[in-house]
Amino acid sequence: MEIMENIKHKEELTGIEQMLNMFSREELIEVNKMVVHRIRIMDELFQLAANSQFQPGHRVSWKDMAGFIHQGVIQRVNRKTITVIEDGNEHGFWKISARALTRI
């Protein structure tokens, strides 16, 4: 595995890999379900931590996919996205990940 270079617990992963090699297909499917569930929990916790830095009324900026920088005011903090009203466009709003926002 080339990913192993960036892993902290290489010895433990080697042991896990050896165990996985002994599992049946059905057992591997169950292990996969556990791993996917754990990743989803970690992603949710990361998103909650990122969202907790922002509140309605905060001024923020962000870069769109074309590279243009926008500014606006947070209207609402949702579970996965933050709703921002763009400056100069009262009827236009963006739903943006907290990871893409910078507080100004």
C-alpha atoms as a PDB file:
ATOM      1  CA  MET A   1       0.000   0.000   0.000  1.00  0.00           C
ATOM      2  CA  GLU A   2       1.507   3.344  -1.031  1.00  0.00           C
ATOM      3  CA  ILE A   3      -0.768   5.219   1.411  1.00  0.00           C
ATOM      4  CA  MET A   4       1.147   3.637   4.288  1.00  0.00           C
ATOM      5  CA  GLU A   5       3.839   6.344   4.022  1.00  0.00           C
ATOM      6  CA  ASN A   6       1.485   8.941   5.562  1.00  0.00           C
ATOM      7  CA  ILE A   7      -0.001   6.705   8.268  1.00  0.00           C
ATOM      8  CA  LYS A   8       1.043   7.117  11.916  1.00  0.00           C
ATOM      9  CA  HIS A   9       0.380   3.560  13.095  1.00  0.00           C
ATOM     10  CA  LYS A  10       2.047   1.514  10.367  1.00  0.00           C
ATOM     11  CA  GLU A  11       2.589  -1.557  12.534  1.00  0.00           C
ATOM     12  CA  GLU A  12      -1.066  -1.712  13.573  1.00  0.00           C
ATOM     13  CA  LEU A  13      -2.214  -1.313   9.973  1.00  0.00           C
ATOM     14  CA  THR A  14       0.035  -4.124   8.857  1.00  0.00           C
ATOM     15  CA  GLY A  15      -1.610  -6.354  11.468  1.00  0.00           C
ATOM     16  CA  ILE A  16      -5.059  -5.247  10.356  1.00  0.00           C
ATOM     17  CA  GLU A  17      -4.172  -5.983   6.735  1.00  0.00           C
ATOM     18  CA  GLN A  18      -3.048  -9.476   7.694  1.00  0.00           C
ATOM     19  CA  MET A  19      -6.343 -10.046   9.538  1.00  0.00           C
ATOM     20  CA  LEU A  20      -8.340  -8.775   6.556  1.00  0.00           C
ATOM     21  CA  ASN A  21      -6.575 -11.258   4.307  1.00  0.00           C
ATOM     22  CA  MET A  22      -8.080 -14.074   6.403  1.00  0.00           C
ATOM     23  CA  PHE A  23     -11.682 -12.760   6.257  1.00  0.00           C
ATOM     24  CA  SER A  24     -14.358 -14.119   3.972  1.00  0.00           C
ATOM     25  CA  ARG A  25     -16.174 -11.870   1.522  1.00  0.00           C
ATOM     26  CA  GLU A  26     -19.154 -11.574   3.875  1.00  0.00           C
ATOM     27  CA  GLU A  27     -16.918 -10.627   6.787  1.00  0.00           C
ATOM     28  CA  LEU A  28     -15.169  -8.006   4.664  1.00  0.00           C
ATOM     29  CA  ILE A  29     -18.547  -6.512   3.737  1.00  0.00           C
ATOM     30  CA  GLU A  30     -19.409  -6.182   7.435  1.00  0.00           C
ATOM     31  CA  VAL A  31     -16.030  -4.596   8.213  1.00  0.00           C
ATOM     32  CA  ASN A  32     -16.571  -2.209   5.302  1.00  0.00           C
ATOM     33  CA  LYS A  33     -19.952  -1.158   6.727  1.00  0.00           C
ATOM     34  CA  MET A  34     -18.296  -0.409  10.078  1.00  0.00           C
ATOM     35  CA  VAL A  35     -15.521   1.627   8.443  1.00  0.00           C
ATOM     36  CA  VAL A  36     -17.962   3.621   6.293  1.00  0.00           C
ATOM     37  CA  HIS A  37     -20.128   4.310   9.360  1.00  0.00           C
ATOM     38  CA  ARG A  38     -17.092   5.548  11.310  1.00  0.00           C
ATOM     39  CA  ILE A  39     -16.006   7.813   8.438  1.00  0.00           C
ATOM     40  CA  ARG A  40     -19.506   9.321   8.231  1.00  0.00           C
ATOM     41  CA  ILE A  41     -19.492  10.052  11.968  1.00  0.00           C
ATOM     42  CA  MET A  42     -16.067  11.698  11.691  1.00  0.00           C
ATOM     43  CA  ASP A  43     -17.239  13.794   8.716  1.00  0.00           C
ATOM     44  CA  GLU A  44     -20.341  14.926  10.625  1.00  0.00           C
ATOM     45  CA  LEU A  45     -18.255  15.928  13.646  1.00  0.00           C
ATOM     46  CA  PHE A  46     -15.846  17.845  11.426  1.00  0.00           C
ATOM     47  CA  GLN A  47     -18.761  19.622   9.708  1.00  0.00           C
ATOM     48  CA  LEU A  48     -20.361  20.516  13.051  1.00  0.00           C
ATOM     49  CA  ALA A  49     -17.067  21.959  14.298  1.00  0.00           C
ATOM     50  CA  ALA A  50     -16.656  23.988  11.103  1.00  0.00           C
ATOM     51  CA  ASN A  51     -20.255  25.252  11.227  1.00  0.00           C
ATOM     52  CA  SER A  52     -19.978  26.234  14.890  1.00  0.00           C
ATOM     53  CA  GLN A  53     -17.521  28.995  13.928  1.00  0.00           C
ATOM     54  CA  PHE A  54     -20.268  30.868  12.072  1.00  0.00           C
ATOM     55  CA  GLN A  55     -23.521  32.529  13.147  1.00  0.00           C
ATOM     56  CA  PRO A  56     -26.261  34.455  11.331  1.00  0.00           C
ATOM     57  CA  GLY A  57     -25.125  38.032  10.798  1.00  0.00           C
ATOM     58  CA  HIS A  58     -21.425  37.220  10.378  1.00  0.00           C
ATOM     59  CA  ARG A  59     -19.782  38.735   7.304  1.00  0.00           C
ATOM     60  CA  VAL A  60     -17.959  36.191   5.176  1.00  0.00           C
ATOM     61  CA  SER A  61     -16.168  35.819   1.872  1.00  0.00           C
ATOM     62  CA  TRP A  62     -15.731  32.833  -0.434  1.00  0.00           C
ATOM     63  CA  LYS A  63     -14.357  31.931  -3.826  1.00  0.00           C
ATOM     64  CA  ASP A  64     -16.667  30.399  -6.432  1.00  0.00           C
ATOM     65  CA  MET A  65     -15.665  27.637  -8.850  1.00  0.00           C
ATOM     66  CA  ALA A  66     -14.601  30.208 -11.458  1.00  0.00           C
ATOM     67  CA  GLY A  67     -12.237  31.797  -8.929  1.00  0.00           C
ATOM     68  CA  PHE A  68     -14.268  34.957  -8.269  1.00  0.00           C
ATOM     69  CA  ILE A  69     -14.338  36.192  -4.681  1.00  0.00           C
ATOM     70  CA  HIS A  70     -17.755  37.019  -3.217  1.00  0.00           C
ATOM     71  CA  GLN A  71     -18.809  38.596   0.058  1.00  0.00           C
ATOM     72  CA  GLY A  72     -22.023  38.444   2.008  1.00  0.00           C
ATOM     73  CA  VAL A  73     -23.805  37.987   5.299  1.00  0.00           C
ATOM     74  CA  ILE A  74     -24.772  34.658   6.806  1.00  0.00           C
ATOM     75  CA  GLN A  75     -28.530  34.251   6.921  1.00  0.00           C
ATOM     76  CA  ARG A  76     -28.747  30.733   8.297  1.00  0.00           C
ATOM     77  CA  VAL A  77     -26.460  27.949   9.511  1.00  0.00           C
ATOM     78  CA  ASN A  78     -27.804  24.599   8.330  1.00  0.00           C
ATOM     79  CA  ARG A  79     -26.533  21.135   9.137  1.00  0.00           C
ATOM     80  CA  LYS A  80     -24.403  20.712   6.003  1.00  0.00           C
ATOM     81  CA  THR A  81     -24.317  24.167   4.452  1.00  0.00           C
ATOM     82  CA  ILE A  82     -24.457  27.820   5.400  1.00  0.00           C
ATOM     83  CA  THR A  83     -26.881  30.121   3.610  1.00  0.00           C
ATOM     84  CA  VAL A  84     -25.266  33.443   2.669  1.00  0.00           C
ATOM     85  CA  ILE A  85     -26.922  36.511   1.139  1.00  0.00           C
ATOM     86  CA  GLU A  86     -24.444  37.988  -1.329  1.00  0.00           C
ATOM     87  CA  ASP A  87     -23.651  41.700  -1.033  1.00  0.00           C
ATOM     88  CA  GLY A  88     -25.523  43.746  -3.651  1.00  0.00           C
ATOM     89  CA  ASN A  89     -27.896  40.901  -4.449  1.00  0.00           C
ATOM     90  CA  GLU A  90     -30.686  40.791  -1.864  1.00  0.00           C
ATOM     91  CA  HIS A  91     -32.573  38.080  -3.740  1.00  0.00           C
ATOM     92  CA  GLY A  92     -29.517  35.972  -4.480  1.00  0.00           C
ATOM     93  CA  PHE A  93     -28.242  33.528  -1.921  1.00  0.00           C
ATOM     94  CA  TRP A  94     -25.606  30.853  -1.835  1.00  0.00           C
ATOM     95  CA  LYS A  95     -25.524  27.577   0.087  1.00  0.00           C
ATOM     96  CA  ILE A  96     -21.882  27.041   0.941  1.00  0.00           C
ATOM     97  CA  SER A  97     -19.866  24.581   2.999  1.00  0.00           C
ATOM     98  CA  ALA A  98     -18.318  26.166   6.093  1.00  0.00           C
ATOM     99  CA  ARG A  99     -14.936  24.940   4.855  1.00  0.00           C
ATOM    100  CA  ALA A 100     -15.183  27.337   1.900  1.00  0.00           C
ATOM    101  CA  LEU A 101     -16.015  30.416   3.999  1.00  0.00           C
ATOM    102  CA  THR A 102     -13.676  32.972   5.540  1.00  0.00           C
ATOM    103  CA  ARG A 103     -14.929  35.349   8.211  1.00  0.00           C
ATOM    104  CA  ILE A 104     -14.246  39.017   7.449  1.00  0.00           C
END
